[in-house]
PDB file of N, CA and C in Angstrom:
ATOM      1  N   MET A   1      97.986  92.870 123.797  1.00  0.00           N
ATOM      2  CA  MET A   1      98.054  92.714 122.090  1.00  0.00           C
ATOM      3  C   MET A   1      97.124  93.645 121.621  1.00  0.00           C
ATOM      4  N   SER A   2      96.968  94.203 120.747  1.00  0.00           N
ATOM      5  CA  SER A   2      96.196  95.241 119.889  1.00  0.00           C
ATOM      6  C   SER A   2      95.604  94.695 119.043  1.00  0.00           C
ATOM      7  N   SER A   3      94.518  95.207 119.310  1.00  0.00           N
ATOM      8  CA  SER A   3      93.350  94.598 117.901  1.00  0.00           C
ATOM      9  C   SER A   3      93.651  94.901 116.286  1.00  0.00           C
ATOM     10  N   PHE A   4      94.842  95.809 116.240  1.00  0.00           N
ATOM     11  CA  PHE A   4      94.945  96.838 114.855  1.00  0.00           C
ATOM     12  C   PHE A   4      96.489  97.470 114.889  1.00  0.00           C
ATOM     13  N   THR A   5      96.444  97.706 113.735  1.00  0.00           N
ATOM     14  CA  THR A   5      97.819  98.785 113.430  1.00  0.00           C
ATOM     15  C   THR A   5      97.311  99.864 112.856  1.00  0.00           C
ATOM     16  N   MET A   6      97.973 100.966 112.843  1.00  0.00           N
ATOM     17  CA  MET A   6      97.754 102.373 112.636  1.00  0.00           C
ATOM     18  C   MET A   6      99.162 102.726 111.836  1.00  0.00           C
ATOM     19  N   TYR A   7      98.666 102.648 110.266  1.00  0.00           N
ATOM     20  CA  TYR A   7      99.826 103.289 109.687  1.00  0.00           C
ATOM     21  C   TYR A   7      99.678 104.627 109.290  1.00  0.00           C
ATOM     22  N   SER A   8     100.738 105.688 109.668  1.00  0.00           N
ATOM     23  CA  SER A   8     100.816 106.986 109.633  1.00  0.00           C
ATOM     24  C   SER A   8     101.575 107.661 109.222  1.00  0.00           C
ATOM     25  N   THR A   9     102.106 108.587 109.092  1.00  0.00           N
ATOM     26  CA  THR A   9     103.120 109.723 108.790  1.00  0.00           C
ATOM     27  C   THR A   9     103.470 110.771 110.005  1.00  0.00           C
ATOM     28  N   PRO A  10     104.809 111.408 110.271  1.00  0.00           N
ATOM     29  CA  PRO A  10     104.710 111.933 111.195  1.00  0.00           C
ATOM     30  C   PRO A  10     104.161 113.319 111.072  1.00  0.00           C
ATOM     31  N   TRP A  11     103.730 113.670 109.586  1.00  0.00           N
ATOM     32  CA  TRP A  11     103.153 115.325 109.766  1.00  0.00           C
ATOM     33  C   TRP A  11     101.675 115.206 109.151  1.00  0.00           C
ATOM     34  N   CYS A  12     100.977 114.006 109.311  1.00  0.00           N
ATOM     35  CA  CYS A  12      99.413 113.929 109.286  1.00  0.00           C
ATOM     36  C   CYS A  12      98.739 113.951 110.561  1.00  0.00           C
ATOM     37  N   GLY A  13      98.175 115.276 110.331  1.00  0.00           N
ATOM     38  CA  GLY A  13      96.929 115.843 110.829  1.00  0.00           C
ATOM     39  C   GLY A  13      95.863 114.663 111.377  1.00  0.00           C
ATOM     40  N   TYR A  14      94.991 114.391 110.575  1.00  0.00           N
ATOM     41  CA  TYR A  14      94.405 113.211 110.980  1.00  0.00           C
ATOM     42  C   TYR A  14      94.730 112.301 112.086  1.00  0.00           C
ATOM     43  N   CYS A  15      96.233 111.324 111.642  1.00  0.00           N
ATOM     44  CA  CYS A  15      96.788 110.419 112.362  1.00  0.00           C
ATOM     45  C   CYS A  15      96.757 111.188 113.502  1.00  0.00           C
ATOM     46  N   HIS A  16      97.343 112.215 114.035  1.00  0.00           N
ATOM     47  CA  HIS A  16      97.709 112.723 115.284  1.00  0.00           C
ATOM     48  C   HIS A  16      96.299 112.664 115.974  1.00  0.00           C
ATOM     49  N   ARG A  17      95.478 113.172 115.262  1.00  0.00           N
ATOM     50  CA  ARG A  17      93.755 113.606 116.176  1.00  0.00           C
ATOM     51  C   ARG A  17      93.182 112.271 116.644  1.00  0.00           C
ATOM     52  N   LEU A  18      93.279 110.909 115.329  1.00  0.00           N
ATOM     53  CA  LEU A  18      93.095 109.599 115.556  1.00  0.00           C
ATOM     54  C   LEU A  18      93.622 109.405 116.993  1.00  0.00           C
ATOM     55  N   LYS A  19      94.891 109.384 116.960  1.00  0.00           N
ATOM     56  CA  LYS A  19      95.684 108.884 118.009  1.00  0.00           C
ATOM     57  C   LYS A  19      95.388 109.148 119.652  1.00  0.00           C
ATOM     58  N   SER A  20      95.204 110.618 119.245  1.00  0.00           N
ATOM     59  CA  SER A  20      94.857 111.209 120.567  1.00  0.00           C
ATOM     60  C   SER A  20      93.396 110.846 121.465  1.00  0.00           C
ATOM     61  N   GLN A  21      92.552 110.647 120.168  1.00  0.00           N
ATOM     62  CA  GLN A  21      90.957 110.064 120.686  1.00  0.00           C
ATOM     63  C   GLN A  21      91.464 108.579 121.124  1.00  0.00           C
ATOM     64  N   LEU A  22      92.192 108.137 120.488  1.00  0.00           N
ATOM     65  CA  LEU A  22      92.025 106.339 120.805  1.00  0.00           C
ATOM     66  C   LEU A  22      92.826 106.537 122.300  1.00  0.00           C
ATOM     67  N   ASP A  23      94.044 107.049 122.476  1.00  0.00           N
ATOM     68  CA  ASP A  23      94.653 107.144 123.761  1.00  0.00           C
ATOM     69  C   ASP A  23      93.437 107.578 124.986  1.00  0.00           C
ATOM     70  N   ARG A  24      92.840 108.616 124.387  1.00  0.00           N
ATOM     71  CA  ARG A  24      91.767 108.944 125.295  1.00  0.00           C
ATOM     72  C   ARG A  24      91.201 108.145 126.208  1.00  0.00           C
ATOM     73  N   GLU A  25      90.430 107.314 124.977  1.00  0.00           N
ATOM     74  CA  GLU A  25      89.548 106.114 124.967  1.00  0.00           C
ATOM     75  C   GLU A  25      90.556 104.649 126.079  1.00  0.00           C
ATOM     76  N   GLY A  26      91.836 104.665 125.993  1.00  0.00           N
ATOM     77  CA  GLY A  26      92.157 103.616 126.374  1.00  0.00           C
ATOM     78  C   GLY A  26      92.477 102.330 125.334  1.00  0.00           C
ATOM     79  N   ILE A  27      92.036 102.673 124.131  1.00  0.00           N
ATOM     80  CA  ILE A  27      92.232 101.671 123.230  1.00  0.00           C
ATOM     81  C   ILE A  27      93.804 101.639 122.448  1.00  0.00           C
ATOM     82  N   SER A  28      94.409 100.061 122.373  1.00  0.00           N
ATOM     83  CA  SER A  28      95.746  99.946 122.563  1.00  0.00           C
ATOM     84  C   SER A  28      95.699  99.488 120.956  1.00  0.00           C
ATOM     85  N   TYR A  29      97.167 100.418 119.996  1.00  0.00           N
ATOM     86  CA  TYR A  29      97.171  99.628 119.062  1.00  0.00           C
ATOM     87  C   TYR A  29      98.537 100.004 118.942  1.00  0.00           C
ATOM     88  N   ASP A  30      99.357  99.234 117.389  1.00  0.00           N
ATOM     89  CA  ASP A  30     100.359  99.600 117.135  1.00  0.00           C
ATOM     90  C   ASP A  30     100.153 100.471 115.964  1.00  0.00           C
ATOM     91  N   VAL A  31     101.585 101.205 116.170  1.00  0.00           N
ATOM     92  CA  VAL A  31     101.752 102.500 114.836  1.00  0.00           C
ATOM     93  C   VAL A  31     103.014 102.080 114.096  1.00  0.00           C
ATOM     94  N   VAL A  32     102.975 101.962 112.724  1.00  0.00           N
ATOM     95  CA  VAL A  32     103.934 101.716 112.224  1.00  0.00           C
ATOM     96  C   VAL A  32     103.860 103.634 111.079  1.00  0.00           C
ATOM     97  N   ASP A  33     104.972 104.057 110.892  1.00  0.00           N
ATOM     98  CA  ASP A  33     105.734 105.338 110.102  1.00  0.00           C
ATOM     99  C   ASP A  33     105.899 104.778 108.521  1.00  0.00           C
ATOM    100  N   ILE A  34     104.851 104.750 107.898  1.00  0.00           N
ATOM    101  CA  ILE A  34     105.157 104.354 106.347  1.00  0.00           C
ATOM    102  C   ILE A  34     106.508 105.189 105.419  1.00  0.00           C
ATOM    103  N   GLU A  35     106.990 106.175 105.807  1.00  0.00           N
ATOM    104  CA  GLU A  35     108.222 106.744 105.143  1.00  0.00           C
ATOM    105  C   GLU A  35     109.079 106.249 106.095  1.00  0.00           C
ATOM    106  N   GLN A  36     109.046 105.458 107.383  1.00  0.00           N
ATOM    107  CA  GLN A  36     110.444 104.509 107.769  1.00  0.00           C
ATOM    108  C   GLN A  36     110.538 103.348 107.555  1.00  0.00           C
ATOM    109  N   GLN A  37     109.408 102.875 107.163  1.00  0.00           N
ATOM    110  CA  GLN A  37     109.234 101.475 106.699  1.00  0.00           C
ATOM    111  C   GLN A  37     108.308 101.399 105.407  1.00  0.00           C
ATOM    112  N   PRO A  38     109.168 101.357 104.015  1.00  0.00           N
ATOM    113  CA  PRO A  38     108.802 101.329 103.115  1.00  0.00           C
ATOM    114  C   PRO A  38     107.516 100.203 102.623  1.00  0.00           C
ATOM    115  N   ASP A  39     108.114  98.912 103.227  1.00  0.00           N
ATOM    116  CA  ASP A  39     107.227  97.754 103.240  1.00  0.00           C
ATOM    117  C   ASP A  39     105.787  98.295 103.526  1.00  0.00           C
ATOM    118  N   ALA A  40     105.566  98.574 104.434  1.00  0.00           N
ATOM    119  CA  ALA A  40     104.219  99.503 104.979  1.00  0.00           C
ATOM    120  C   ALA A  40     103.584 100.073 104.529  1.00  0.00           C
ATOM    121  N   ALA A  41     104.486 101.040 103.098  1.00  0.00           N
ATOM    122  CA  ALA A  41     103.807 101.801 102.334  1.00  0.00           C
ATOM    123  C   ALA A  41     102.929 100.784 101.624  1.00  0.00           C
ATOM    124  N   LEU A  42     103.494  99.861 100.986  1.00  0.00           N
ATOM    125  CA  LEU A  42     102.746  98.746 100.269  1.00  0.00           C
ATOM    126  C   LEU A  42     101.285  98.164 100.675  1.00  0.00           C
ATOM    127  N   ILE A  43     101.433  98.053 101.939  1.00  0.00           N
ATOM    128  CA  ILE A  43     100.232  97.522 102.701  1.00  0.00           C
ATOM    129  C   ILE A  43      99.348  98.660 102.405  1.00  0.00           C
ATOM    130  N   VAL A  44      99.591  99.889 103.126  1.00  0.00           N
ATOM    131  CA  VAL A  44      98.636 100.932 103.210  1.00  0.00           C
ATOM    132  C   VAL A  44      98.143 101.358 101.316  1.00  0.00           C
ATOM    133  N   GLU A  45      99.078 101.053 100.151  1.00  0.00           N
ATOM    134  CA  GLU A  45      98.648 101.573  98.854  1.00  0.00           C
ATOM    135  C   GLU A  45      97.563 100.020  98.400  1.00  0.00           C
ATOM    136  N   GLN A  46      98.077  98.569  98.952  1.00  0.00           N
ATOM    137  CA  GLN A  46      97.001  97.999  98.623  1.00  0.00           C
ATOM    138  C   GLN A  46      95.547  98.039  99.215  1.00  0.00           C
ATOM    139  N   ALA A  47      95.232  98.602 100.266  1.00  0.00           N
ATOM    140  CA  ALA A  47      94.163  98.811 101.014  1.00  0.00           C
ATOM    141  C   ALA A  47      93.592 100.436 100.409  1.00  0.00           C
ATOM    142  N   ASN A  48      94.388 101.006  99.953  1.00  0.00           N
ATOM    143  CA  ASN A  48      93.830 102.259  99.133  1.00  0.00           C
ATOM    144  C   ASN A  48      93.742 102.429  97.628  1.00  0.00           C
ATOM    145  N   ASN A  49      93.987 101.246  96.803  1.00  0.00           N
ATOM    146  CA  ASN A  49      93.603 101.395  95.236  1.00  0.00           C
ATOM    147  C   ASN A  49      94.941 102.192  95.170  1.00  0.00           C
ATOM    148  N   GLY A  50      96.208 102.012  95.502  1.00  0.00           N
ATOM    149  CA  GLY A  50      97.338 102.614  94.958  1.00  0.00           C
ATOM    150  C   GLY A  50      97.806 104.074  95.897  1.00  0.00           C
ATOM    151  N   ASN A  51      97.120 104.145  96.520  1.00  0.00           N
ATOM    152  CA  ASN A  51      97.219 105.942  97.021  1.00  0.00           C
ATOM    153  C   ASN A  51      97.802 105.407  98.690  1.00  0.00           C
ATOM    154  N   GLN A  52      99.061 106.307  98.844  1.00  0.00           N
ATOM    155  CA  GLN A  52      99.399 106.214 100.430  1.00  0.00           C
ATOM    156  C   GLN A  52      98.681 106.994 101.156  1.00  0.00           C
ATOM    157  N   THR A  53      97.378 106.944 101.624  1.00  0.00           N
ATOM    158  CA  THR A  53      96.502 107.259 102.184  1.00  0.00           C
ATOM    159  C   THR A  53      96.798 107.132 103.643  1.00  0.00           C
ATOM    160  N   VAL A  54      96.752 107.805 104.657  1.00  0.00           N
ATOM    161  CA  VAL A  54      96.979 107.705 106.129  1.00  0.00           C
ATOM    162  C   VAL A  54      95.902 108.589 106.908  1.00  0.00           C
ATOM    163  N   PRO A  55      95.505 107.990 108.166  1.00  0.00           N
ATOM    164  CA  PRO A  55      95.805 107.161 108.813  1.00  0.00           C
ATOM    165  C   PRO A  55      94.958 105.887 107.785  1.00  0.00           C
ATOM    166  N   THR A  56      95.682 104.599 107.757  1.00  0.00           N
ATOM    167  CA  THR A  56      94.952 103.379 107.661  1.00  0.00           C
ATOM    168  C   THR A  56      95.127 102.447 108.596  1.00  0.00           C
ATOM    169  N   LEU A  57      94.066 101.930 108.962  1.00  0.00           N
ATOM    170  CA  LEU A  57      94.019 101.098 110.131  1.00  0.00           C
ATOM    171  C   LEU A  57      93.958  99.517 109.385  1.00  0.00           C
ATOM    172  N   VAL A  58      94.806  98.451 109.585  1.00  0.00           N
ATOM    173  CA  VAL A  58      94.684  96.899 109.715  1.00  0.00           C
ATOM    174  C   VAL A  58      94.285  96.415 110.723  1.00  0.00           C
ATOM    175  N   PHE A  59      93.011  95.779 110.688  1.00  0.00           N
ATOM    176  CA  PHE A  59      92.710  95.106 111.703  1.00  0.00           C
ATOM    177  C   PHE A  59      93.163  93.421 111.633  1.00  0.00           C
ATOM    178  N   SER A  60      92.556  93.032 113.044  1.00  0.00           N
ATOM    179  CA  SER A  60      93.700  91.403 113.299  1.00  0.00           C
ATOM    180  C   SER A  60      92.956  90.630 112.566  1.00  0.00           C
ATOM    181  N   ASP A  61      91.548  91.078 111.919  1.00  0.00           N
ATOM    182  CA  ASP A  61      91.178  90.335 110.649  1.00  0.00           C
ATOM    183  C   ASP A  61      91.426  90.082 109.383  1.00  0.00           C
ATOM    184  N   GLY A  62      92.233  91.288 109.298  1.00  0.00           N
ATOM    185  CA  GLY A  62      92.720  92.008 107.615  1.00  0.00           C
ATOM    186  C   GLY A  62      91.909  92.705 107.403  1.00  0.00           C
ATOM    187  N   THR A  63      90.933  93.083 107.849  1.00  0.00           N
ATOM    188  CA  THR A  63      90.100  94.148 107.026  1.00  0.00           C
ATOM    189  C   THR A  63      90.928  95.563 107.355  1.00  0.00           C
ATOM    190  N   SER A  64      90.533  96.770 106.749  1.00  0.00           N
ATOM    191  CA  SER A  64      91.247  97.714 106.735  1.00  0.00           C
ATOM    192  C   SER A  64      90.218  99.149 106.855  1.00  0.00           C
ATOM    193  N   GLN A  65      90.090 100.191 107.704  1.00  0.00           N
ATOM    194  CA  GLN A  65      90.120 101.118 107.049  1.00  0.00           C
ATOM    195  C   GLN A  65      90.809 102.547 107.087  1.00  0.00           C
ATOM    196  N   THR A  66      90.280 103.387 106.326  1.00  0.00           N
ATOM    197  CA  THR A  66      91.176 104.475 105.625  1.00  0.00           C
ATOM    198  C   THR A  66      90.141 105.606 106.490  1.00  0.00           C
ATOM    199  N   ASN A  67      91.320 106.814 107.354  1.00  0.00           N
ATOM    200  CA  ASN A  67      90.909 107.410 107.749  1.00  0.00           C
ATOM    201  C   ASN A  67      89.431 107.400 108.316  1.00  0.00           C
ATOM    202  N   PRO A  68      89.263 106.385 109.247  1.00  0.00           N
ATOM    203  CA  PRO A  68      88.023 106.614 109.711  1.00  0.00           C
ATOM    204  C   PRO A  68      87.881 107.114 111.456  1.00  0.00           C
ATOM    205  N   SER A  69      86.526 107.694 111.667  1.00  0.00           N
ATOM    206  CA  SER A  69      86.300 108.261 112.856  1.00  0.00           C
ATOM    207  C   SER A  69      86.306 107.039 114.111  1.00  0.00           C
ATOM    208  N   LEU A  70      86.758 107.980 115.095  1.00  0.00           N
ATOM    209  CA  LEU A  70      86.486 107.246 116.530  1.00  0.00           C
ATOM    210  C   LEU A  70      85.951 105.959 116.776  1.00  0.00           C
ATOM    211  N   ALA A  71      84.590 106.505 116.274  1.00  0.00           N
ATOM    212  CA  ALA A  71      83.061 105.916 116.323  1.00  0.00           C
ATOM    213  C   ALA A  71      82.816 104.425 115.449  1.00  0.00           C
ATOM    214  N   GLN A  72      84.282 104.699 114.291  1.00  0.00           N
ATOM    215  CA  GLN A  72      84.022 103.444 113.402  1.00  0.00           C
ATOM    216  C   GLN A  72      84.642 102.622 113.793  1.00  0.00           C
ATOM    217  N   VAL A  73      85.948 102.694 114.852  1.00  0.00           N
ATOM    218  CA  VAL A  73      86.978 102.657 115.041  1.00  0.00           C
ATOM    219  C   VAL A  73      86.279 101.368 116.141  1.00  0.00           C
ATOM    220  N   LYS A  74      85.598 102.112 116.723  1.00  0.00           N
ATOM    221  CA  LYS A  74      84.949 101.422 117.969  1.00  0.00           C
ATOM    222  C   LYS A  74      84.064 100.084 117.621  1.00  0.00           C
ATOM    223  N   GLU A  75      83.170 100.315 116.705  1.00  0.00           N
ATOM    224  CA  GLU A  75      81.980  99.912 116.026  1.00  0.00           C
ATOM    225  C   GLU A  75      83.333  98.287 115.525  1.00  0.00           C
ATOM    226  N   LYS A  76      83.851  98.672 114.536  1.00  0.00           N
ATOM    227  CA  LYS A  76      84.861  97.457 114.216  1.00  0.00           C
ATOM    228  C   LYS A  76      85.506  96.781 115.356  1.00  0.00           C
ATOM    229  N   LEU A  77      86.304  97.187 116.024  1.00  0.00           N
ATOM    230  CA  LEU A  77      86.633  96.413 117.436  1.00  0.00           C
ATOM    231  C   LEU A  77      85.431  95.788 117.971  1.00  0.00           C
ATOM    232  N   ALA A  78      84.101  96.066 118.236  1.00  0.00           N
ATOM    233  CA  ALA A  78      83.408  95.481 118.847  1.00  0.00           C
ATOM    234  C   ALA A  78      83.099  94.026 118.153  1.00  0.00           C
ATOM    235  N   THR A  79      82.719  94.244 117.002  1.00  0.00           N
ATOM    236  CA  THR A  79      82.803  93.033 116.321  1.00  0.00           C
ATOM    237  C   THR A  79      84.154  92.218 116.191  1.00  0.00           C
ATOM    238  N   LEU A  80      85.114  92.405 116.440  1.00  0.00           N
ATOM    239  CA  LEU A  80      85.980  91.760 116.319  1.00  0.00           C
ATOM    240  C   LEU A  80      86.310  90.737 118.159  1.00  0.00           C
ATOM    241  N   ALA A  81      86.044  91.580 119.171  1.00  0.00           N
ATOM    242  CA  ALA A  81      85.577  90.965 120.642  1.00  0.00           C
ATOM    243  C   ALA A  81      85.145  90.023 120.511  1.00  0.00           C
TER     244      ALA A  81
END
């Protein structure tokens, strides 16, 4: 089971970069395309003051990060472990 969900779009360069970094590190996560799932876009807007900013990561504890670095994600995951 993954510790977080990444909300992204197919055209987001930052999303692609973070996905490849996470994959290289062997970190599991779920991906939701906010263009395919309108409900997911609302989650992203709630986390970002009404903006559809991606990538937005929502963690198992309900917190979120917007366009985080790999180091920020790893740091957050360490607090959830």
